[in-house]
Amino acid sequence: MRNEGIVRNRLKILSLVKNARAFLEVQKEFGSFDRYVWEFVGGKPRVNAIKSLSQIQSRTAQSDALSKDLKKRGFTFVGSTICYAFMQAVGMVNDHLVTCLRYGKV
């Protein structure tokens, strides 16, 4: 809690430990966390044809399902919006604008 270089919210620190344990259980059950999360998008990236920033969503049915399942497995601080951001970050969802250089490369 005294380390200024990390999040110092007690609940988030406790959540980190709890989530690490739950992560290991998911790995044990599915063989890898990767295999588990990709099931929520059918094993392939979801490519959205977004033409304007106003079309970008902050959550979807898939992120809702992932969030709900993670919580059932004991994870905390894993709301649907956080799950959707994770899905975007790891390439499960392509939300680049169709005019973006990265759209076709991701």
C-alpha atoms as a PDB file:
ATOM      1  CA  MET A   1       0.000   0.000   0.000  1.00  0.00           C
ATOM      2  CA  ARG A   2       2.976   2.337   0.433  1.00  0.00           C
ATOM      3  CA  ASN A   3       4.368   1.734  -3.074  1.00  0.00           C
ATOM      4  CA  GLU A   4       3.466   4.856  -5.076  1.00  0.00           C
ATOM      5  CA  GLY A   5       4.316   3.031  -8.321  1.00  0.00           C
ATOM      6  CA  ILE A   6       1.272   0.745  -8.178  1.00  0.00           C
ATOM      7  CA  VAL A   7      -2.464   0.997  -7.649  1.00  0.00           C
ATOM      8  CA  ARG A   8      -2.991   1.467  -3.921  1.00  0.00           C
ATOM      9  CA  ASN A   9      -6.655   0.575  -3.703  1.00  0.00           C
ATOM     10  CA  ARG A  10      -6.890  -2.198  -1.110  1.00  0.00           C
ATOM     11  CA  LEU A  11      -9.819  -3.927  -2.861  1.00  0.00           C
ATOM     12  CA  LYS A  12      -7.965  -3.942  -6.178  1.00  0.00           C
ATOM     13  CA  ILE A  13      -4.825  -5.374  -4.566  1.00  0.00           C
ATOM     14  CA  LEU A  14      -6.862  -8.143  -2.918  1.00  0.00           C
ATOM     15  CA  SER A  15      -8.635  -8.688  -6.247  1.00  0.00           C
ATOM     16  CA  LEU A  16      -5.283  -9.212  -7.955  1.00  0.00           C
ATOM     17  CA  VAL A  17      -4.506 -12.172  -5.704  1.00  0.00           C
ATOM     18  CA  LYS A  18      -8.015 -13.599  -6.027  1.00  0.00           C
ATOM     19  CA  ASN A  19      -7.978 -13.218  -9.822  1.00  0.00           C
ATOM     20  CA  ALA A  20      -4.557 -14.873 -10.081  1.00  0.00           C
ATOM     21  CA  ARG A  21      -5.914 -17.926  -8.275  1.00  0.00           C
ATOM     22  CA  ALA A  22      -9.022 -18.000 -10.470  1.00  0.00           C
ATOM     23  CA  PHE A  23      -6.808 -17.610 -13.564  1.00  0.00           C
ATOM     24  CA  LEU A  24      -4.827 -20.707 -12.575  1.00  0.00           C
ATOM     25  CA  GLU A  25      -8.072 -22.651 -12.139  1.00  0.00           C
ATOM     26  CA  VAL A  26      -9.219 -21.612 -15.639  1.00  0.00           C
ATOM     27  CA  GLN A  27      -5.843 -22.701 -17.044  1.00  0.00           C
ATOM     28  CA  LYS A  28      -6.203 -26.050 -15.327  1.00  0.00           C
ATOM     29  CA  GLU A  29      -9.747 -26.584 -16.613  1.00  0.00           C
ATOM     30  CA  PHE A  30      -9.253 -25.407 -20.216  1.00  0.00           C
ATOM     31  CA  GLY A  31      -5.549 -26.038 -20.778  1.00  0.00           C
ATOM     32  CA  SER A  32      -4.913 -22.304 -21.192  1.00  0.00           C
ATOM     33  CA  PHE A  33      -6.621 -19.009 -20.464  1.00  0.00           C
ATOM     34  CA  ASP A  34      -6.320 -18.248 -24.176  1.00  0.00           C
ATOM     35  CA  ARG A  35      -8.428 -21.272 -25.113  1.00  0.00           C
ATOM     36  CA  TYR A  36     -11.054 -20.258 -22.562  1.00  0.00           C
ATOM     37  CA  VAL A  37     -11.506 -16.621 -23.651  1.00  0.00           C
ATOM     38  CA  TRP A  38     -11.529 -17.330 -27.389  1.00  0.00           C
ATOM     39  CA  GLU A  39     -14.615 -19.493 -26.920  1.00  0.00           C
ATOM     40  CA  PHE A  40     -16.573 -16.288 -26.348  1.00  0.00           C
ATOM     41  CA  VAL A  41     -15.981 -15.177 -29.964  1.00  0.00           C
ATOM     42  CA  GLY A  42     -16.191 -18.608 -31.553  1.00  0.00           C
ATOM     43  CA  GLY A  43     -12.430 -19.017 -31.850  1.00  0.00           C
ATOM     44  CA  LYS A  44     -11.877 -16.271 -34.412  1.00  0.00           C
ATOM     45  CA  PRO A  45     -11.577 -12.477 -34.230  1.00  0.00           C
ATOM     46  CA  ARG A  46     -14.777 -10.508 -34.524  1.00  0.00           C
ATOM     47  CA  VAL A  47     -14.202  -7.910 -37.249  1.00  0.00           C
ATOM     48  CA  ASN A  48     -16.495  -4.912 -37.086  1.00  0.00           C
ATOM     49  CA  ALA A  49     -16.919  -2.635 -40.114  1.00  0.00           C
ATOM     50  CA  ILE A  50     -16.935   0.634 -38.198  1.00  0.00           C
ATOM     51  CA  LYS A  51     -17.251   3.762 -40.293  1.00  0.00           C
ATOM     52  CA  SER A  52     -17.386   6.379 -37.518  1.00  0.00           C
ATOM     53  CA  LEU A  53     -16.236   6.635 -33.919  1.00  0.00           C
ATOM     54  CA  SER A  54     -19.841   6.909 -32.751  1.00  0.00           C
ATOM     55  CA  GLN A  55     -20.368   3.277 -33.828  1.00  0.00           C
ATOM     56  CA  ILE A  56     -17.747   1.897 -31.434  1.00  0.00           C
ATOM     57  CA  GLN A  57     -19.348   0.018 -28.576  1.00  0.00           C
ATOM     58  CA  SER A  58     -18.096  -0.195 -25.007  1.00  0.00           C
ATOM     59  CA  ARG A  59     -19.589  -3.652 -24.453  1.00  0.00           C
ATOM     60  CA  THR A  60     -21.268  -6.436 -26.405  1.00  0.00           C
ATOM     61  CA  ALA A  61     -23.208  -9.616 -25.743  1.00  0.00           C
ATOM     62  CA  GLN A  62     -19.883 -11.486 -25.886  1.00  0.00           C
ATOM     63  CA  SER A  63     -18.199  -9.220 -23.320  1.00  0.00           C
ATOM     64  CA  ASP A  64     -21.320  -9.466 -21.145  1.00  0.00           C
ATOM     65  CA  ALA A  65     -21.083 -13.282 -21.294  1.00  0.00           C
ATOM     66  CA  LEU A  66     -17.339 -13.264 -20.567  1.00  0.00           C
ATOM     67  CA  SER A  67     -17.812 -10.918 -17.610  1.00  0.00           C
ATOM     68  CA  LYS A  68     -20.626 -13.024 -16.192  1.00  0.00           C
ATOM     69  CA  ASP A  69     -18.638 -16.241 -16.534  1.00  0.00           C
ATOM     70  CA  LEU A  70     -15.472 -14.739 -15.035  1.00  0.00           C
ATOM     71  CA  LYS A  71     -17.468 -13.526 -12.034  1.00  0.00           C
ATOM     72  CA  LYS A  72     -19.018 -16.990 -11.663  1.00  0.00           C
ATOM     73  CA  ARG A  73     -15.468 -18.372 -11.544  1.00  0.00           C
ATOM     74  CA  GLY A  74     -14.487 -15.985  -8.732  1.00  0.00           C
ATOM     75  CA  PHE A  75     -12.894 -13.098 -10.642  1.00  0.00           C
ATOM     76  CA  THR A  76     -13.546  -9.543  -9.475  1.00  0.00           C
ATOM     77  CA  PHE A  77     -13.254  -6.138 -11.192  1.00  0.00           C
ATOM     78  CA  VAL A  78     -14.186  -7.790 -14.498  1.00  0.00           C
ATOM     79  CA  GLY A  79     -17.205  -5.844 -15.713  1.00  0.00           C
ATOM     80  CA  SER A  80     -18.367  -6.047 -19.305  1.00  0.00           C
ATOM     81  CA  THR A  81     -16.634  -2.814 -20.368  1.00  0.00           C
ATOM     82  CA  ILE A  82     -13.306  -4.010 -18.943  1.00  0.00           C
ATOM     83  CA  CYS A  83     -13.785  -7.367 -20.662  1.00  0.00           C
ATOM     84  CA  TYR A  84     -14.514  -5.654 -23.987  1.00  0.00           C
ATOM     85  CA  ALA A  85     -11.383  -3.510 -23.675  1.00  0.00           C
ATOM     86  CA  PHE A  86      -9.418  -6.724 -22.999  1.00  0.00           C
ATOM     87  CA  MET A  87     -10.997  -8.368 -26.053  1.00  0.00           C
ATOM     88  CA  GLN A  88      -9.947  -5.393 -28.194  1.00  0.00           C
ATOM     89  CA  ALA A  89      -6.421  -5.335 -26.753  1.00  0.00           C
ATOM     90  CA  VAL A  90      -5.702  -9.014 -27.408  1.00  0.00           C
ATOM     91  CA  GLY A  91      -7.168  -9.041 -30.922  1.00  0.00           C
ATOM     92  CA  MET A  92     -10.422 -10.874 -30.250  1.00  0.00           C
ATOM     93  CA  VAL A  93     -12.272  -7.841 -31.634  1.00  0.00           C
ATOM     94  CA  ASN A  94     -11.179  -5.488 -34.423  1.00  0.00           C
ATOM     95  CA  ASP A  95     -12.781  -2.122 -33.778  1.00  0.00           C
ATOM     96  CA  HIS A  96     -10.494  -0.101 -36.042  1.00  0.00           C
ATOM     97  CA  LEU A  97     -12.305   2.245 -38.385  1.00  0.00           C
ATOM     98  CA  VAL A  98     -12.461   0.797 -41.907  1.00  0.00           C
ATOM     99  CA  THR A  99     -10.457   3.861 -43.019  1.00  0.00           C
ATOM    100  CA  CYS A 100      -7.671   3.139 -40.500  1.00  0.00           C
ATOM    101  CA  LEU A 101      -4.328   1.789 -41.732  1.00  0.00           C
ATOM    102  CA  ARG A 102      -4.524  -0.992 -39.128  1.00  0.00           C
ATOM    103  CA  TYR A 103      -8.019  -2.218 -40.066  1.00  0.00           C
ATOM    104  CA  GLY A 104      -6.888  -4.679 -42.744  1.00  0.00           C
ATOM    105  CA  LYS A 105      -3.692  -5.653 -40.925  1.00  0.00           C
ATOM    106  CA  VAL A 106      -5.265  -6.693 -37.632  1.00  0.00           C
END
